[in-house]
C-alpha atoms as a PDB file:
ATOM      1  CA  UNK A   1       3.930 -23.197 -10.745  1.00  0.00           C
ATOM      2  CA  UNK A   2       4.315 -20.464  -8.117  1.00  0.00           C
ATOM      3  CA  UNK A   3       3.162 -17.830 -10.558  1.00  0.00           C
ATOM      4  CA  UNK A   4       0.006 -19.897 -11.402  1.00  0.00           C
ATOM      5  CA  UNK A   5      -0.846 -20.155  -7.651  1.00  0.00           C
ATOM      6  CA  UNK A   6      -0.161 -16.560  -7.051  1.00  0.00           C
ATOM      7  CA  UNK A   7      -2.349 -15.576 -10.007  1.00  0.00           C
ATOM      8  CA  UNK A   8      -5.173 -17.952  -8.684  1.00  0.00           C
ATOM      9  CA  UNK A   9      -5.019 -16.405  -5.319  1.00  0.00           C
ATOM     10  CA  UNK A  10      -5.133 -12.865  -6.832  1.00  0.00           C
ATOM     11  CA  UNK A  11      -8.307 -13.755  -8.921  1.00  0.00           C
ATOM     12  CA  UNK A  12      -9.941 -15.327  -5.759  1.00  0.00           C
ATOM     13  CA  UNK A  13      -9.272 -12.163  -3.756  1.00  0.00           C
ATOM     14  CA  UNK A  14     -10.809 -10.142  -6.527  1.00  0.00           C
ATOM     15  CA  UNK A  15     -14.001 -12.280  -6.515  1.00  0.00           C
ATOM     16  CA  UNK A  16     -14.683 -12.076  -2.751  1.00  0.00           C
ATOM     17  CA  UNK A  17     -15.323  -8.920  -0.803  1.00  0.00           C
ATOM     18  CA  UNK A  18     -12.476  -7.445   1.131  1.00  0.00           C
ATOM     19  CA  UNK A  19     -14.973  -5.732   3.478  1.00  0.00           C
ATOM     20  CA  UNK A  20     -18.120  -7.454   4.976  1.00  0.00           C
ATOM     21  CA  UNK A  21     -21.488  -5.567   5.028  1.00  0.00           C
ATOM     22  CA  UNK A  22     -20.832  -4.214   8.517  1.00  0.00           C
ATOM     23  CA  UNK A  23     -17.428  -2.916   7.452  1.00  0.00           C
ATOM     24  CA  UNK A  24     -18.897  -1.326   4.396  1.00  0.00           C
ATOM     25  CA  UNK A  25     -21.546   0.599   6.575  1.00  0.00           C
ATOM     26  CA  UNK A  26     -18.772   1.605   8.946  1.00  0.00           C
ATOM     27  CA  UNK A  27     -16.676   2.830   6.107  1.00  0.00           C
ATOM     28  CA  UNK A  28     -19.574   4.929   4.710  1.00  0.00           C
ATOM     29  CA  UNK A  29     -20.150   6.297   8.132  1.00  0.00           C
ATOM     30  CA  UNK A  30     -16.466   7.445   8.271  1.00  0.00           C
ATOM     31  CA  UNK A  31     -16.797   9.121   5.002  1.00  0.00           C
ATOM     32  CA  UNK A  32     -19.866  10.913   6.110  1.00  0.00           C
ATOM     33  CA  UNK A  33     -18.403  11.973   9.557  1.00  0.00           C
ATOM     34  CA  UNK A  34     -14.847  12.646   8.537  1.00  0.00           C
ATOM     35  CA  UNK A  35     -14.907  13.159   4.756  1.00  0.00           C
ATOM     36  CA  UNK A  36     -12.677  10.170   4.049  1.00  0.00           C
ATOM     37  CA  UNK A  37     -10.901   7.077   5.140  1.00  0.00           C
ATOM     38  CA  UNK A  38      -7.552   5.284   5.129  1.00  0.00           C
ATOM     39  CA  UNK A  39      -7.394   1.485   5.378  1.00  0.00           C
ATOM     40  CA  UNK A  40      -5.588  -1.634   4.388  1.00  0.00           C
ATOM     41  CA  UNK A  41      -8.831  -3.603   4.818  1.00  0.00           C
ATOM     42  CA  UNK A  42      -9.147  -3.654   8.584  1.00  0.00           C
ATOM     43  CA  UNK A  43     -10.945  -0.356   9.725  1.00  0.00           C
ATOM     44  CA  UNK A  44      -9.403  -0.646  13.122  1.00  0.00           C
ATOM     45  CA  UNK A  45      -5.877  -0.642  11.840  1.00  0.00           C
ATOM     46  CA  UNK A  46      -4.308   2.807  11.473  1.00  0.00           C
ATOM     47  CA  UNK A  47      -1.085   3.996   9.848  1.00  0.00           C
ATOM     48  CA  UNK A  48       1.943   4.579  11.995  1.00  0.00           C
ATOM     49  CA  UNK A  49       2.800   8.188  12.785  1.00  0.00           C
ATOM     50  CA  UNK A  50       3.839  10.027   9.736  1.00  0.00           C
ATOM     51  CA  UNK A  51       2.686  11.880   6.741  1.00  0.00           C
ATOM     52  CA  UNK A  52       0.443  10.315   4.047  1.00  0.00           C
ATOM     53  CA  UNK A  53       1.115  11.268   0.426  1.00  0.00           C
ATOM     54  CA  UNK A  54      -0.838   9.759  -2.482  1.00  0.00           C
ATOM     55  CA  UNK A  55       0.969   7.980  -5.158  1.00  0.00           C
ATOM     56  CA  UNK A  56       1.145  10.096  -8.401  1.00  0.00           C
ATOM     57  CA  UNK A  57      -2.166  10.031 -10.445  1.00  0.00           C
ATOM     58  CA  UNK A  58      -0.137   9.353 -13.416  1.00  0.00           C
ATOM     59  CA  UNK A  59       0.595   5.849 -12.111  1.00  0.00           C
ATOM     60  CA  UNK A  60      -3.050   5.042 -12.481  1.00  0.00           C
ATOM     61  CA  UNK A  61      -3.961   4.485  -8.807  1.00  0.00           C
ATOM     62  CA  UNK A  62      -6.328   7.482  -8.487  1.00  0.00           C
ATOM     63  CA  UNK A  63      -9.987   7.136  -9.358  1.00  0.00           C
ATOM     64  CA  UNK A  64     -12.227  10.212  -9.225  1.00  0.00           C
ATOM     65  CA  UNK A  65     -16.071   9.979  -8.885  1.00  0.00           C
ATOM     66  CA  UNK A  66     -18.967  12.123  -7.772  1.00  0.00           C
ATOM     67  CA  UNK A  67     -19.286  11.830  -4.024  1.00  0.00           C
ATOM     68  CA  UNK A  68     -22.935  11.188  -4.489  1.00  0.00           C
ATOM     69  CA  UNK A  69     -22.061   7.832  -6.168  1.00  0.00           C
ATOM     70  CA  UNK A  70     -19.779   6.631  -3.387  1.00  0.00           C
ATOM     71  CA  UNK A  71     -20.980   3.433  -1.662  1.00  0.00           C
ATOM     72  CA  UNK A  72     -19.665   0.515   0.222  1.00  0.00           C
ATOM     73  CA  UNK A  73     -19.546  -1.706  -2.872  1.00  0.00           C
ATOM     74  CA  UNK A  74     -17.436   0.630  -5.109  1.00  0.00           C
ATOM     75  CA  UNK A  75     -15.069   1.314  -2.185  1.00  0.00           C
ATOM     76  CA  UNK A  76     -14.692  -2.482  -1.546  1.00  0.00           C
ATOM     77  CA  UNK A  77     -13.975  -2.919  -5.301  1.00  0.00           C
ATOM     78  CA  UNK A  78     -11.309  -0.240  -5.311  1.00  0.00           C
ATOM     79  CA  UNK A  79      -9.611  -1.564  -2.209  1.00  0.00           C
ATOM     80  CA  UNK A  80      -9.748  -5.267  -3.624  1.00  0.00           C
ATOM     81  CA  UNK A  81      -8.051  -4.105  -6.749  1.00  0.00           C
ATOM     82  CA  UNK A  82      -5.219  -2.533  -4.710  1.00  0.00           C
ATOM     83  CA  UNK A  83      -4.880  -5.223  -2.201  1.00  0.00           C
ATOM     84  CA  UNK A  84      -1.913  -7.041  -3.746  1.00  0.00           C
ATOM     85  CA  UNK A  85       0.025  -3.854  -3.877  1.00  0.00           C
ATOM     86  CA  UNK A  86      -0.826  -2.920  -0.205  1.00  0.00           C
ATOM     87  CA  UNK A  87       0.233  -6.594   0.881  1.00  0.00           C
ATOM     88  CA  UNK A  88       3.571  -6.084  -0.918  1.00  0.00           C
ATOM     89  CA  UNK A  89       4.318  -2.779   0.666  1.00  0.00           C
ATOM     90  CA  UNK A  90       3.356  -2.230   4.372  1.00  0.00           C
ATOM     91  CA  UNK A  91       3.666   1.635   3.826  1.00  0.00           C
ATOM     92  CA  UNK A  92       0.856   1.656   1.173  1.00  0.00           C
ATOM     93  CA  UNK A  93      -2.693   2.421   2.284  1.00  0.00           C
ATOM     94  CA  UNK A  94      -5.916   2.553   0.364  1.00  0.00           C
ATOM     95  CA  UNK A  95      -8.450   5.286   0.901  1.00  0.00           C
ATOM     96  CA  UNK A  96     -10.657   7.913  -0.229  1.00  0.00           C
ATOM     97  CA  UNK A  97     -11.517  11.517   0.531  1.00  0.00           C
ATOM     98  CA  UNK A  98     -14.244  14.066  -0.492  1.00  0.00           C
ATOM     99  CA  UNK A  99     -13.442  17.416  -1.796  1.00  0.00           C
ATOM    100  CA  UNK A 100     -16.555  19.490  -2.279  1.00  0.00           C
ATOM    101  CA  UNK A 101     -18.441  16.749  -4.168  1.00  0.00           C
ATOM    102  CA  UNK A 102     -15.722  15.043  -5.830  1.00  0.00           C
ATOM    103  CA  UNK A 103     -14.347  11.797  -4.321  1.00  0.00           C
ATOM    104  CA  UNK A 104     -10.845  10.663  -4.763  1.00  0.00           C
ATOM    105  CA  UNK A 105      -9.795   7.080  -4.277  1.00  0.00           C
ATOM    106  CA  UNK A 106      -6.070   6.612  -4.134  1.00  0.00           C
ATOM    107  CA  UNK A 107      -3.163   4.635  -2.634  1.00  0.00           C
ATOM    108  CA  UNK A 108      -1.088   6.727  -0.217  1.00  0.00           C
ATOM    109  CA  UNK A 109       2.336   6.079   1.140  1.00  0.00           C
ATOM    110  CA  UNK A 110       3.208   6.719   4.802  1.00  0.00           C
ATOM    111  CA  UNK A 111       6.459   8.757   5.181  1.00  0.00           C
ATOM    112  CA  UNK A 112       8.011   8.945   8.655  1.00  0.00           C
ATOM    113  CA  UNK A 113      10.289  11.683   7.335  1.00  0.00           C
ATOM    114  CA  UNK A 114       8.225  14.935   6.548  1.00  0.00           C
ATOM    115  CA  UNK A 115      11.059  16.181   4.195  1.00  0.00           C
ATOM    116  CA  UNK A 116      10.686  13.044   2.113  1.00  0.00           C
ATOM    117  CA  UNK A 117       6.994  13.387   2.114  1.00  0.00           C
ATOM    118  CA  UNK A 118       7.208  17.033   0.996  1.00  0.00           C
ATOM    119  CA  UNK A 119       9.399  15.996  -1.929  1.00  0.00           C
ATOM    120  CA  UNK A 120       7.100  13.020  -2.862  1.00  0.00           C
ATOM    121  CA  UNK A 121       4.066  15.346  -2.837  1.00  0.00           C
ATOM    122  CA  UNK A 122       5.744  17.865  -5.033  1.00  0.00           C
ATOM    123  CA  UNK A 123       7.081  15.340  -7.562  1.00  0.00           C
ATOM    124  CA  UNK A 124       3.722  13.618  -7.565  1.00  0.00           C
ATOM    125  CA  UNK A 125       1.915  16.865  -8.133  1.00  0.00           C
ATOM    126  CA  UNK A 126      -0.425  16.145  -5.069  1.00  0.00           C
ATOM    127  CA  UNK A 127      -2.910  18.714  -3.898  1.00  0.00           C
ATOM    128  CA  UNK A 128      -2.228  17.937  -0.271  1.00  0.00           C
ATOM    129  CA  UNK A 129      -0.918  15.745   2.405  1.00  0.00           C
ATOM    130  CA  UNK A 130      -2.104  14.809   5.776  1.00  0.00           C
ATOM    131  CA  UNK A 131      -0.443  13.972   9.032  1.00  0.00           C
ATOM    132  CA  UNK A 132      -1.600  10.678  10.652  1.00  0.00           C
ATOM    133  CA  UNK A 133      -1.609  12.139  14.058  1.00  0.00           C
ATOM    134  CA  UNK A 134      -4.219  14.710  13.014  1.00  0.00           C
ATOM    135  CA  UNK A 135      -6.456  13.084  10.352  1.00  0.00           C
ATOM    136  CA  UNK A 136      -8.700  16.225  10.031  1.00  0.00           C
ATOM    137  CA  UNK A 137      -5.540  18.350   9.465  1.00  0.00           C
ATOM    138  CA  UNK A 138      -4.945  17.983   5.734  1.00  0.00           C
ATOM    139  CA  UNK A 139      -2.721  20.680   4.449  1.00  0.00           C
ATOM    140  CA  UNK A 140      -1.919  21.883   0.916  1.00  0.00           C
ATOM    141  CA  UNK A 141       1.281  20.462  -0.466  1.00  0.00           C
ATOM    142  CA  UNK A 142       2.810  23.822  -0.966  1.00  0.00           C
ATOM    143  CA  UNK A 143       2.203  24.907   2.587  1.00  0.00           C
ATOM    144  CA  UNK A 144       3.556  21.657   3.793  1.00  0.00           C
ATOM    145  CA  UNK A 145       6.716  22.053   1.656  1.00  0.00           C
ATOM    146  CA  UNK A 146       7.301  25.552   2.812  1.00  0.00           C
ATOM    147  CA  UNK A 147       6.871  24.485   6.376  1.00  0.00           C
ATOM    148  CA  UNK A 148       9.679  21.837   5.863  1.00  0.00           C
ATOM    149  CA  UNK A 149      11.956  24.484   4.351  1.00  0.00           C
ATOM    150  CA  UNK A 150      11.208  26.746   7.405  1.00  0.00           C
ATOM    151  CA  UNK A 151      12.222  23.878   9.665  1.00  0.00           C
ATOM    152  CA  UNK A 152      15.532  23.687   7.814  1.00  0.00           C
ATOM    153  CA  UNK A 153      14.706  20.765   5.604  1.00  0.00           C
ATOM    154  CA  UNK A 154      16.156  18.285   7.992  1.00  0.00           C
ATOM    155  CA  UNK A 155      15.039  14.706   8.582  1.00  0.00           C
ATOM    156  CA  UNK A 156      12.642  14.137  11.302  1.00  0.00           C
ATOM    157  CA  UNK A 157      14.351  11.893  13.848  1.00  0.00           C
ATOM    158  CA  UNK A 158      11.809   9.862  15.778  1.00  0.00           C
END
């Protein structure tokens, strides 16, 4: 019985928009102004301090499309499809970013430990990571990994 209810709730979530029209416009403004976004559905909610690393593309969470085709509807659709996963793991965030005309939608995990983030990025074959304290400061995975080695590969105690 619980599985039936959970499945019905999931179907209802998929059928209704996660973002309203104002939020979709705001999301598109974020993409235009900053090149991307990270959200769990509330654009005023932000990840805790840490390093965001996308889940491996091989897990099927990454979607790639031409930036010219990005709109509020297809972003809402992506976030709706990932909503259950995000609700089950508070460290997962949906988002997207533009890289010279190619737009990447993916789920990212927030790591409070930069060393763990570096390992996850290398294992997941990610192009880059970003620090939530400096959203415009995405850095290549290799540089981030090398920086962690230079710091002695120790856990970041916050």
